[in-house]
Amino acid sequence: MLATQNIRWLVDGNLPQIEGEHPDVLPINQFSHDVMAEAMRNERWVITANRNLLEDRTIPFYCPPIVIINGGVFTEEGLRRNLLHFEFSLLHESGRPPATGQRFLIDLDKAIYRIQPEGGLQEVASWKTPSVKGVLAWGTSA
């Protein structure tokens, strides 16, 4: 699936089972099979908290992209926020579109990484935390 197209998500059972159109999300509890089989059948990306998938070499090379989410408390609102940020970041990334079998790591509300095939992480985007200290200091000196 190209980065210019909408990402269609399938949420694994270890995350809040959200559903919606923006982002396009379906929970695994609507299906009877395992998340990988359903993702391949329905051409959806997997979003999971299963950290074993960071290094699992038994994932079929033809599976859709997998996004592993890490850290924090997994709430429905937080999951939606991070998926939308991921989609936005991927659409504006200067690199190539995600390939089949590619994996990503979302450090909840902090950063997004592409997991390199040879190991290691490549930062796709980081969350910016604006600072108002300079603005407040500038406003008080006048």
C-alpha atoms as a PDB file:
ATOM      1  CA  MET A   1       0.000   0.000   0.000  1.00  0.00           C
ATOM      2  CA  LEU A   2       1.459   3.341  -1.018  1.00  0.00           C
ATOM      3  CA  ALA A   3       2.016   6.173   1.419  1.00  0.00           C
ATOM      4  CA  THR A   4      -0.279   8.383  -0.685  1.00  0.00           C
ATOM      5  CA  GLN A   5      -3.197   6.069  -0.022  1.00  0.00           C
ATOM      6  CA  ASN A   6      -5.171   5.819   3.177  1.00  0.00           C
ATOM      7  CA  ILE A   7      -3.861   3.233   5.583  1.00  0.00           C
ATOM      8  CA  ARG A   8      -6.385   0.616   6.589  1.00  0.00           C
ATOM      9  CA  TRP A   9      -5.627  -0.637  10.127  1.00  0.00           C
ATOM     10  CA  LEU A  10      -6.405  -3.856  11.976  1.00  0.00           C
ATOM     11  CA  VAL A  11      -5.998  -3.521  15.746  1.00  0.00           C
ATOM     12  CA  ASP A  12      -4.563  -6.544  17.568  1.00  0.00           C
ATOM     13  CA  GLY A  13      -6.287  -7.852  20.692  1.00  0.00           C
ATOM     14  CA  ASN A  14      -3.638  -6.433  23.037  1.00  0.00           C
ATOM     15  CA  LEU A  15      -4.765  -2.853  22.310  1.00  0.00           C
ATOM     16  CA  PRO A  16      -8.091  -1.043  22.790  1.00  0.00           C
ATOM     17  CA  GLN A  17     -10.519  -2.406  20.208  1.00  0.00           C
ATOM     18  CA  ILE A  18     -11.343   0.798  18.362  1.00  0.00           C
ATOM     19  CA  GLU A  19     -13.256   1.193  15.125  1.00  0.00           C
ATOM     20  CA  GLY A  20     -13.676   4.175  12.857  1.00  0.00           C
ATOM     21  CA  GLU A  21     -13.341   5.746   9.447  1.00  0.00           C
ATOM     22  CA  HIS A  22     -10.694   8.367  10.225  1.00  0.00           C
ATOM     23  CA  PRO A  23      -8.348   6.703  10.662  1.00  0.00           C
ATOM     24  CA  ASP A  24      -9.753   3.612   8.942  1.00  0.00           C
ATOM     25  CA  VAL A  25      -9.581   1.148  11.847  1.00  0.00           C
ATOM     26  CA  LEU A  26     -11.149  -2.244  12.551  1.00  0.00           C
ATOM     27  CA  PRO A  27     -10.692  -4.266  15.742  1.00  0.00           C
ATOM     28  CA  ILE A  28      -9.580  -7.898  15.540  1.00  0.00           C
ATOM     29  CA  ASN A  29     -12.539  -8.896  17.709  1.00  0.00           C
ATOM     30  CA  GLN A  30     -14.735  -8.558  14.589  1.00  0.00           C
ATOM     31  CA  PHE A  31     -12.897 -11.485  13.007  1.00  0.00           C
ATOM     32  CA  SER A  32     -12.428 -15.113  13.910  1.00  0.00           C
ATOM     33  CA  HIS A  33      -8.829 -15.683  12.767  1.00  0.00           C
ATOM     34  CA  ASP A  34      -5.455 -14.455  13.956  1.00  0.00           C
ATOM     35  CA  VAL A  35      -4.431 -10.871  13.273  1.00  0.00           C
ATOM     36  CA  MET A  36      -1.818 -11.657  10.572  1.00  0.00           C
ATOM     37  CA  ALA A  37      -4.163 -13.871   8.552  1.00  0.00           C
ATOM     38  CA  GLU A  38      -6.955 -11.290   8.739  1.00  0.00           C
ATOM     39  CA  ALA A  39      -4.607  -8.415   7.882  1.00  0.00           C
ATOM     40  CA  MET A  40      -3.412 -10.234   4.754  1.00  0.00           C
ATOM     41  CA  ARG A  41      -6.950 -11.236   3.773  1.00  0.00           C
ATOM     42  CA  ASN A  42      -8.332  -7.712   4.232  1.00  0.00           C
ATOM     43  CA  GLU A  43      -5.244  -5.772   3.069  1.00  0.00           C
ATOM     44  CA  ARG A  44      -4.894  -3.975   6.393  1.00  0.00           C
ATOM     45  CA  TRP A  45      -1.843  -2.916   8.367  1.00  0.00           C
ATOM     46  CA  VAL A  46      -1.436  -4.510  11.789  1.00  0.00           C
ATOM     47  CA  ILE A  47      -1.178  -2.288  14.869  1.00  0.00           C
ATOM     48  CA  THR A  48      -0.072  -4.224  17.940  1.00  0.00           C
ATOM     49  CA  ALA A  49       1.684  -3.934  21.283  1.00  0.00           C
ATOM     50  CA  ASN A  50       3.353  -7.325  20.777  1.00  0.00           C
ATOM     51  CA  ARG A  51       7.045  -6.432  21.135  1.00  0.00           C
ATOM     52  CA  ASN A  52       8.025  -9.956  20.031  1.00  0.00           C
ATOM     53  CA  LEU A  53       7.332  -8.774  16.489  1.00  0.00           C
ATOM     54  CA  LEU A  54      10.301  -6.390  16.709  1.00  0.00           C
ATOM     55  CA  GLU A  55      12.699  -9.284  16.110  1.00  0.00           C
ATOM     56  CA  ASP A  56      10.443 -12.109  14.976  1.00  0.00           C
ATOM     57  CA  ARG A  57      11.909 -13.622  11.822  1.00  0.00           C
ATOM     58  CA  THR A  58       8.949 -15.982  11.319  1.00  0.00           C
ATOM     59  CA  ILE A  59       6.687 -13.241   9.936  1.00  0.00           C
ATOM     60  CA  PRO A  60       5.934 -13.973   6.269  1.00  0.00           C
ATOM     61  CA  PHE A  61       7.723 -11.566   3.931  1.00  0.00           C
ATOM     62  CA  TYR A  62       4.465 -10.924   2.053  1.00  0.00           C
ATOM     63  CA  CYS A  63       2.498  -9.735   5.105  1.00  0.00           C
ATOM     64  CA  PRO A  64       1.289  -6.131   5.255  1.00  0.00           C
ATOM     65  CA  PRO A  65       3.297  -3.570   7.221  1.00  0.00           C
ATOM     66  CA  ILE A  66       3.247  -4.043  10.995  1.00  0.00           C
ATOM     67  CA  VAL A  67       3.300  -1.189  13.506  1.00  0.00           C
ATOM     68  CA  ILE A  68       4.316  -2.003  17.073  1.00  0.00           C
ATOM     69  CA  ILE A  69       3.225   0.525  19.664  1.00  0.00           C
ATOM     70  CA  ASN A  70       5.302   0.916  22.820  1.00  0.00           C
ATOM     71  CA  GLY A  71       5.105   2.763  26.120  1.00  0.00           C
ATOM     72  CA  GLY A  72       2.494   4.528  28.129  1.00  0.00           C
ATOM     73  CA  VAL A  73      -1.095   3.596  28.790  1.00  0.00           C
ATOM     74  CA  PHE A  74      -2.940   2.428  25.704  1.00  0.00           C
ATOM     75  CA  THR A  75      -6.217   4.354  25.598  1.00  0.00           C
ATOM     76  CA  GLU A  76      -8.620   4.656  22.671  1.00  0.00           C
ATOM     77  CA  GLU A  77      -7.880   8.367  22.363  1.00  0.00           C
ATOM     78  CA  GLY A  78      -4.108   7.835  22.523  1.00  0.00           C
ATOM     79  CA  LEU A  79      -4.227   5.063  19.949  1.00  0.00           C
ATOM     80  CA  ARG A  80      -6.243   7.194  17.507  1.00  0.00           C
ATOM     81  CA  ARG A  81      -3.942  10.190  18.070  1.00  0.00           C
ATOM     82  CA  ASN A  82      -0.810   8.130  17.403  1.00  0.00           C
ATOM     83  CA  LEU A  83      -2.274   6.438  14.301  1.00  0.00           C
ATOM     84  CA  LEU A  84      -3.218   9.815  12.819  1.00  0.00           C
ATOM     85  CA  HIS A  85       0.254  11.182  13.606  1.00  0.00           C
ATOM     86  CA  PHE A  86       1.813   8.096  12.011  1.00  0.00           C
ATOM     87  CA  GLU A  87      -0.264   8.523   8.834  1.00  0.00           C
ATOM     88  CA  PHE A  88       0.563  12.232   8.639  1.00  0.00           C
ATOM     89  CA  SER A  89       4.281  11.583   9.161  1.00  0.00           C
ATOM     90  CA  LEU A  90       4.366   8.815   6.567  1.00  0.00           C
ATOM     91  CA  LEU A  91       2.609  10.985   3.989  1.00  0.00           C
ATOM     92  CA  HIS A  92       5.182  13.742   4.486  1.00  0.00           C
ATOM     93  CA  GLU A  93       8.283  11.584   4.746  1.00  0.00           C
ATOM     94  CA  SER A  94      10.755  12.104   1.929  1.00  0.00           C
ATOM     95  CA  GLY A  95      11.709   8.422   1.696  1.00  0.00           C
ATOM     96  CA  ARG A  96      10.135   5.574  -0.204  1.00  0.00           C
ATOM     97  CA  PRO A  97       6.665   4.207   0.570  1.00  0.00           C
ATOM     98  CA  PRO A  98       6.435   1.307   3.024  1.00  0.00           C
ATOM     99  CA  ALA A  99       7.004  -2.109   1.538  1.00  0.00           C
ATOM    100  CA  THR A 100       5.183  -5.321   2.228  1.00  0.00           C
ATOM    101  CA  GLY A 101       6.512  -6.866   5.430  1.00  0.00           C
ATOM    102  CA  GLN A 102       8.015  -3.627   6.705  1.00  0.00           C
ATOM    103  CA  ARG A 103       7.773  -2.897  10.419  1.00  0.00           C
ATOM    104  CA  PHE A 104       7.550   0.315  12.406  1.00  0.00           C
ATOM    105  CA  LEU A 105       7.738   1.198  16.088  1.00  0.00           C
ATOM    106  CA  ILE A 106       5.656   3.972  17.629  1.00  0.00           C
ATOM    107  CA  ASP A 107       7.012   5.175  20.942  1.00  0.00           C
ATOM    108  CA  LEU A 108       3.675   6.443  22.273  1.00  0.00           C
ATOM    109  CA  ASP A 109       3.425  10.247  21.888  1.00  0.00           C
ATOM    110  CA  LYS A 110       7.209  10.510  21.399  1.00  0.00           C
ATOM    111  CA  ALA A 111       8.542   9.178  18.098  1.00  0.00           C
ATOM    112  CA  ILE A 112       8.027   6.895  15.103  1.00  0.00           C
ATOM    113  CA  TYR A 113      10.769   4.586  13.860  1.00  0.00           C
ATOM    114  CA  ARG A 114      11.194   2.348  10.834  1.00  0.00           C
ATOM    115  CA  ILE A 115      12.698  -1.000  11.830  1.00  0.00           C
ATOM    116  CA  GLN A 116      15.589  -1.706   9.480  1.00  0.00           C
ATOM    117  CA  PRO A 117      15.831  -5.216   7.946  1.00  0.00           C
ATOM    118  CA  GLU A 118      19.432  -5.522   9.167  1.00  0.00           C
ATOM    119  CA  GLY A 119      18.417  -4.355  12.646  1.00  0.00           C
ATOM    120  CA  GLY A 120      18.306  -0.959  14.220  1.00  0.00           C
ATOM    121  CA  LEU A 121      15.830   1.880  14.049  1.00  0.00           C
ATOM    122  CA  GLN A 122      15.535   4.806  11.645  1.00  0.00           C
ATOM    123  CA  GLU A 123      13.586   7.793  12.967  1.00  0.00           C
ATOM    124  CA  VAL A 124      10.650   8.738  10.750  1.00  0.00           C
ATOM    125  CA  ALA A 125       9.254  11.476  13.005  1.00  0.00           C
ATOM    126  CA  SER A 126       9.429  12.722  16.547  1.00  0.00           C
ATOM    127  CA  TRP A 127       6.744  14.549  18.471  1.00  0.00           C
ATOM    128  CA  LYS A 128       7.705  18.144  19.015  1.00  0.00           C
ATOM    129  CA  THR A 129       7.056  19.624  22.441  1.00  0.00           C
ATOM    130  CA  PRO A 130       6.788  23.378  22.076  1.00  0.00           C
ATOM    131  CA  SER A 131       8.348  25.524  24.759  1.00  0.00           C
ATOM    132  CA  VAL A 132       6.687  28.721  25.861  1.00  0.00           C
ATOM    133  CA  LYS A 133       9.525  29.737  28.206  1.00  0.00           C
ATOM    134  CA  GLY A 134      11.134  32.020  25.614  1.00  0.00           C
ATOM    135  CA  VAL A 135       7.811  33.575  24.710  1.00  0.00           C
ATOM    136  CA  LEU A 136       6.925  34.185  28.354  1.00  0.00           C
ATOM    137  CA  ALA A 137      10.356  35.672  29.091  1.00  0.00           C
ATOM    138  CA  TRP A 138      10.123  37.921  26.031  1.00  0.00           C
ATOM    139  CA  GLY A 139       6.603  39.066  26.981  1.00  0.00           C
ATOM    140  CA  THR A 140       7.622  40.037  30.537  1.00  0.00           C
ATOM    141  CA  SER A 141      10.693  42.089  29.574  1.00  0.00           C
ATOM    142  CA  ALA A 142       8.742  44.635  27.528  1.00  0.00           C
END
